[in-house]
Amino acid sequence: MDKLALAQAVKELTRRTDGYCRPAGLVQHLFAGAPFGTAYVCISPGEQGVHPSSNHNRVLLCGAESGLAADGITDLMKLFADAGITRFFVWLSPGPGMKLVRRLLADAGFTRRPYVAYLTLACEAPEAALDATGFEIREVDRQEVERLSGSLDGVIWPEYLRSLDAPGVHHFMAFEGERPVASAVLYAFEEIGYLSLALTAEPFRCRGAQSALIARRIEKAVALGCKIVVSETLSILEHSLSNLQKAGFEVVYEKEVYGPDPEQ
């Protein structure tokens, strides 16, 4: 899969998972033609954080495909203004006309956030070997998660709970005895498995729980017929990045993230 095809698939995965995971009030727009190109817009009024990774008010672009133009950028920005959103970001993935998009964003008052690399990694779905860690890894359903609800503090993201019962979503946990210590999710979409929402309780970090959860989700993806497995992480999350690379993932591309110029 080339970079553009992967970027398009990840954008569609993001659109689907937003629909499962974002809180009430979510508004989604998907465009297919000039002047918006193939922009995906997510408006989530309750998630306007300072950092792009925690702010889900965003525009996702794959270059300038399908006729993205200057008036399209302006009208996309207006969607957020009309919704009362004061802080949002543009995420640019590989595609045609990258120089054009960068210029259009600059002309619209956006600057690139240079401090953190937002990495997309992938590997061909192998037969993953599950290393011995002392943790039991198992797939869980809503009934088990509800049974464990009193012992999940620091173990799951809110999005994990919101996506229970969503189609194509598989939830996993690592246990020490009967205590849940870590969690993660696999999204299966066509022939792609997407790893997301990994979290480990503080006392149990750096003990192999997430490596085991990666291996178990790859195993599940293979069983579901996925040909490629994808994940995303930040360059500053060195342990997460290392776990993925040890499992055979390679960085395919870096998303460029843009926000309004703070000096304007």
Protein backbone atom coordinates (compact mmCIF):
# COMPACT_ATOMS: atom_id res chain seq x y z
CA MET A 1 0.00 0.00 0.00
CA ASP A 2 1.50 3.35 -1.03
CA LYS A 3 1.47 6.44 1.18
CA LEU A 4 -1.58 8.04 -0.42
CA ALA A 5 -3.65 4.86 -0.28
CA LEU A 6 -2.69 4.35 3.36
CA ALA A 7 -3.41 7.99 4.22
CA GLN A 8 -6.85 7.75 2.59
CA ALA A 9 -7.61 4.56 4.49
CA VAL A 10 -6.49 6.06 7.81
CA LYS A 11 -8.64 9.13 7.18
CA GLU A 12 -11.68 6.92 6.65
CA LEU A 13 -10.80 4.91 9.75
CA THR A 14 -10.57 8.14 11.72
CA ARG A 15 -13.99 9.24 10.49
CA ARG A 16 -15.52 5.94 11.53
CA THR A 17 -13.83 5.77 14.92
CA ASP A 18 -14.76 9.37 15.69
CA GLY A 19 -18.37 8.34 15.19
CA TYR A 20 -17.92 5.58 17.76
CA CYS A 21 -15.69 7.35 20.28
CA ARG A 22 -16.39 11.07 20.46
CA PRO A 23 -18.82 12.45 23.07
CA ALA A 24 -22.29 13.90 22.46
CA GLY A 25 -22.45 16.94 20.21
CA LEU A 26 -20.18 15.53 17.51
CA VAL A 27 -20.66 16.92 13.99
CA GLN A 28 -18.93 15.28 11.01
CA HIS A 29 -18.55 16.45 7.43
CA LEU A 30 -17.01 14.48 4.56
CA PHE A 31 -16.44 16.20 1.23
CA ALA A 32 -15.74 14.78 -2.20
CA GLY A 33 -14.84 17.46 -4.70
CA ALA A 34 -13.87 21.08 -5.31
CA PRO A 35 -13.36 23.38 -3.52
CA PHE A 36 -12.99 21.20 -0.40
CA GLY A 37 -11.11 18.27 -1.91
CA THR A 38 -11.74 15.15 0.15
CA ALA A 39 -11.58 16.94 3.49
CA TYR A 40 -12.94 15.23 6.56
CA VAL A 41 -14.08 17.64 9.28
CA CYS A 42 -14.69 16.68 12.90
CA ILE A 43 -16.37 19.21 15.19
CA SER A 44 -16.42 18.16 18.85
CA PRO A 45 -17.41 21.13 21.05
CA GLY A 46 -16.33 19.47 24.30
CA GLU A 47 -12.79 18.72 23.10
CA GLN A 48 -11.02 22.02 22.43
CA GLY A 49 -7.69 21.31 24.13
CA VAL A 50 -4.49 23.25 23.51
CA HIS A 51 -2.63 20.25 22.10
CA PRO A 52 -3.60 18.80 18.69
CA SER A 53 -3.51 15.22 19.99
CA SER A 54 -6.25 15.98 22.54
CA ASN A 55 -8.28 18.41 20.43
CA HIS A 56 -10.66 16.59 18.13
CA ASN A 57 -11.79 19.71 16.29
CA ARG A 58 -9.85 19.09 13.14
CA VAL A 59 -9.69 18.95 9.38
CA LEU A 60 -8.02 15.92 7.79
CA LEU A 61 -6.58 16.32 4.29
CA CYS A 62 -4.64 14.05 1.94
CA GLY A 63 -2.82 16.69 -0.03
CA ALA A 64 -4.91 18.69 -2.49
CA GLU A 65 -6.73 15.71 -3.96
CA SER A 66 -10.08 16.27 -5.68
CA GLY A 67 -9.75 20.00 -6.18
CA LEU A 68 -8.94 21.56 -2.81
CA ALA A 69 -8.80 25.33 -3.31
CA ALA A 70 -8.31 28.54 -1.32
CA ASP A 71 -12.04 29.24 -0.97
CA GLY A 72 -12.46 25.68 0.27
CA ILE A 73 -9.98 26.32 3.10
CA THR A 74 -11.86 29.52 3.99
CA ASP A 75 -15.23 27.76 4.03
CA LEU A 76 -13.84 24.88 6.10
CA MET A 77 -12.67 27.39 8.71
CA LYS A 78 -16.14 28.94 8.71
CA LEU A 79 -17.65 25.59 9.76
CA PHE A 80 -15.78 25.85 13.06
CA ALA A 81 -16.60 29.53 13.56
CA ASP A 82 -20.31 28.82 12.97
CA ALA A 83 -20.13 26.04 15.59
CA GLY A 84 -18.49 28.34 18.15
CA ILE A 85 -15.16 26.48 18.01
CA THR A 86 -12.24 28.79 18.71
CA ARG A 87 -9.36 26.30 18.50
CA PHE A 88 -8.96 23.64 15.82
CA PHE A 89 -6.19 22.09 13.75
CA VAL A 90 -5.54 20.91 10.20
CA TRP A 91 -3.88 17.50 9.79
CA LEU A 92 -2.15 17.08 6.44
CA SER A 93 -1.27 13.57 5.22
CA PRO A 94 0.56 12.63 1.99
CA GLY A 95 -1.24 13.35 -1.24
CA PRO A 96 -0.97 15.34 -4.48
CA GLY A 97 -0.13 19.02 -4.40
CA MET A 98 1.47 19.15 -0.95
CA LYS A 99 3.25 22.43 -1.71
CA LEU A 100 -0.04 23.93 -2.84
CA VAL A 101 -1.81 22.91 0.38
CA ARG A 102 0.99 24.31 2.53
CA ARG A 103 0.74 27.61 0.67
CA LEU A 104 -3.05 27.71 0.98
CA LEU A 105 -2.81 27.07 4.72
CA ALA A 106 -0.15 29.75 5.14
CA ASP A 107 -2.27 32.22 3.19
CA ALA A 108 -5.20 31.39 5.50
CA GLY A 109 -3.11 32.18 8.57
CA PHE A 110 -2.03 28.68 9.61
CA THR A 111 1.44 27.67 10.74
CA ARG A 112 2.85 24.20 11.22
CA ARG A 113 3.28 22.86 14.75
CA PRO A 114 6.97 21.84 14.69
CA TYR A 115 7.56 20.43 18.15
CA VAL A 116 6.18 16.90 17.94
CA ALA A 117 6.14 14.38 15.08
CA TYR A 118 2.77 12.69 14.52
CA LEU A 119 3.74 9.32 13.10
CA THR A 120 1.74 6.75 11.13
CA LEU A 121 3.23 3.25 11.24
CA ALA A 122 2.28 0.05 9.47
CA CYS A 123 3.30 -3.56 9.06
CA GLU A 124 2.08 -6.46 6.98
CA ALA A 125 -0.02 -8.58 9.28
CA PRO A 126 2.33 -11.34 10.49
CA GLU A 127 1.78 -14.28 12.77
CA ALA A 128 2.64 -12.45 16.00
CA ALA A 129 4.47 -14.25 18.79
CA LEU A 130 3.10 -13.49 22.26
CA ASP A 131 6.04 -13.08 24.65
CA ALA A 132 5.74 -14.35 28.21
CA THR A 133 5.04 -11.37 30.49
CA GLY A 134 3.15 -12.71 33.48
CA PHE A 135 0.02 -10.93 32.23
CA GLU A 136 -3.04 -12.67 30.84
CA ILE A 137 -4.27 -11.04 27.64
CA ARG A 138 -7.87 -11.53 26.64
CA GLU A 139 -10.59 -9.98 24.55
CA VAL A 140 -13.39 -8.50 26.64
CA ASP A 141 -17.00 -7.56 25.99
CA ARG A 142 -19.39 -5.06 27.54
CA GLN A 143 -20.57 -7.50 30.20
CA GLU A 144 -17.04 -8.10 31.46
CA VAL A 145 -16.08 -4.42 31.28
CA GLU A 146 -19.17 -3.53 33.33
CA ARG A 147 -18.28 -6.22 35.86
CA LEU A 148 -14.80 -4.70 36.16
CA SER A 149 -16.01 -1.10 36.29
CA GLY A 150 -14.88 -0.56 39.88
CA SER A 151 -11.27 -1.47 39.07
CA LEU A 152 -10.69 0.36 35.77
CA ASP A 153 -9.37 3.69 37.05
CA GLY A 154 -6.25 4.55 35.05
CA VAL A 155 -6.71 1.51 32.81
CA ILE A 156 -9.01 2.73 30.02
CA TRP A 157 -9.66 5.93 28.06
CA PRO A 158 -13.25 7.26 27.99
CA GLU A 159 -13.28 6.50 24.25
CA TYR A 160 -12.78 2.83 25.11
CA LEU A 161 -16.12 2.74 26.91
CA ARG A 162 -17.90 4.74 24.22
CA SER A 163 -16.86 2.28 21.52
CA LEU A 164 -18.12 -0.84 23.27
CA ASP A 165 -20.48 -2.75 20.94
CA ALA A 166 -19.42 -0.69 17.91
CA PRO A 167 -19.14 -2.79 14.71
CA GLY A 168 -15.63 -3.92 13.84
CA VAL A 169 -14.22 -2.86 17.22
CA HIS A 170 -12.45 -5.39 19.44
CA HIS A 171 -11.49 -4.60 23.03
CA PHE A 172 -8.61 -6.19 24.89
CA MET A 173 -7.21 -6.06 28.41
CA ALA A 174 -4.14 -7.30 30.23
CA PHE A 175 -4.69 -8.84 33.65
CA GLU A 176 -2.44 -9.62 36.59
CA GLY A 177 -4.49 -12.28 38.30
CA GLU A 178 -7.99 -10.82 38.21
CA ARG A 179 -6.82 -7.22 38.21
CA PRO A 180 -7.03 -5.31 34.89
CA VAL A 181 -3.80 -3.37 34.36
CA ALA A 182 -3.87 -2.26 30.72
CA SER A 183 -6.22 -1.98 27.75
CA ALA A 184 -6.18 -1.43 23.99
CA VAL A 185 -8.47 -1.59 20.97
CA LEU A 186 -8.36 -3.09 17.48
CA TYR A 187 -10.52 -1.56 14.74
CA ALA A 188 -10.98 -3.87 11.75
CA PHE A 189 -11.89 -2.12 8.50
CA GLU A 190 -11.86 -4.05 5.21
CA GLU A 191 -8.30 -5.48 5.08
CA ILE A 192 -6.81 -3.06 7.61
CA GLY A 193 -6.42 -3.51 11.34
CA TYR A 194 -5.94 -0.29 13.31
CA LEU A 195 -4.43 -0.35 16.80
CA SER A 196 -5.53 2.41 19.15
CA LEU A 197 -6.48 3.54 22.67
CA ALA A 198 -3.61 1.84 24.48
CA LEU A 199 -3.35 2.69 28.18
CA THR A 200 -1.54 1.08 31.12
CA ALA A 201 -2.06 1.81 34.81
CA GLU A 202 0.92 3.66 36.27
CA PRO A 203 2.32 0.90 38.56
CA PHE A 204 2.39 -1.61 35.69
CA ARG A 205 4.11 0.38 32.95
CA CYS A 206 7.30 -0.85 31.27
CA ARG A 207 6.52 -4.46 32.15
CA GLY A 208 5.44 -5.69 28.73
CA ALA A 209 1.66 -5.34 28.93
CA GLN A 210 1.38 -3.18 25.82
CA SER A 211 3.78 -5.34 23.81
CA ALA A 212 1.57 -8.29 24.66
CA LEU A 213 -1.56 -6.35 23.71
CA ILE A 214 0.02 -5.40 20.36
CA ALA A 215 0.81 -9.05 19.63
CA ARG A 216 -2.66 -10.22 20.63
CA ARG A 217 -4.35 -7.59 18.46
CA ILE A 218 -2.16 -8.47 15.48
CA GLU A 219 -3.16 -12.11 16.00
CA LYS A 220 -6.82 -11.08 16.01
CA ALA A 221 -6.36 -8.90 12.91
CA VAL A 222 -4.84 -11.84 11.02
CA ALA A 223 -7.76 -14.05 12.08
CA LEU A 224 -10.17 -11.42 10.75
CA GLY A 225 -8.42 -11.39 7.37
CA CYS A 226 -6.54 -8.09 7.70
CA LYS A 227 -3.54 -7.77 5.37
CA ILE A 228 -1.97 -4.74 7.01
CA VAL A 229 -1.95 -3.39 10.56
CA VAL A 230 -1.65 0.33 11.27
CA SER A 231 -1.07 2.44 14.34
CA GLU A 232 -0.30 6.07 15.14
CA THR A 233 1.77 7.60 17.89
CA LEU A 234 3.73 10.70 18.85
CA SER A 235 7.49 10.81 18.54
CA ILE A 236 7.75 11.92 22.17
CA LEU A 237 6.03 8.71 23.34
CA GLU A 238 9.26 6.80 23.01
CA HIS A 239 8.11 3.65 24.80
CA SER A 240 5.00 3.38 22.63
CA LEU A 241 7.03 3.93 19.48
CA SER A 242 9.61 1.34 20.58
CA ASN A 243 6.91 -1.25 21.31
CA LEU A 244 5.47 -0.83 17.82
CA GLN A 245 8.85 -0.99 16.11
CA LYS A 246 9.79 -4.14 18.02
CA ALA A 247 6.57 -5.70 16.73
CA GLY A 248 7.63 -5.00 13.13
CA PHE A 249 5.97 -1.64 12.48
CA GLU A 250 7.76 0.93 10.36
CA VAL A 251 7.08 4.64 10.06
CA VAL A 252 5.34 5.25 6.72
CA TYR A 253 4.75 8.98 6.98
CA GLU A 254 4.46 11.89 9.38
CA LYS A 255 1.29 13.94 9.49
CA GLU A 256 1.85 17.67 9.30
CA VAL A 257 -0.27 19.52 11.87
CA TYR A 258 -1.24 23.16 11.38
CA GLY A 259 -2.99 25.64 13.63
CA PRO A 260 -3.92 29.32 13.40
CA ASP A 261 -0.87 31.57 13.64
CA PRO A 262 -0.80 32.69 17.32
CA GLU A 263 0.54 36.09 16.28
CA GLN A 264 -2.49 36.88 14.15
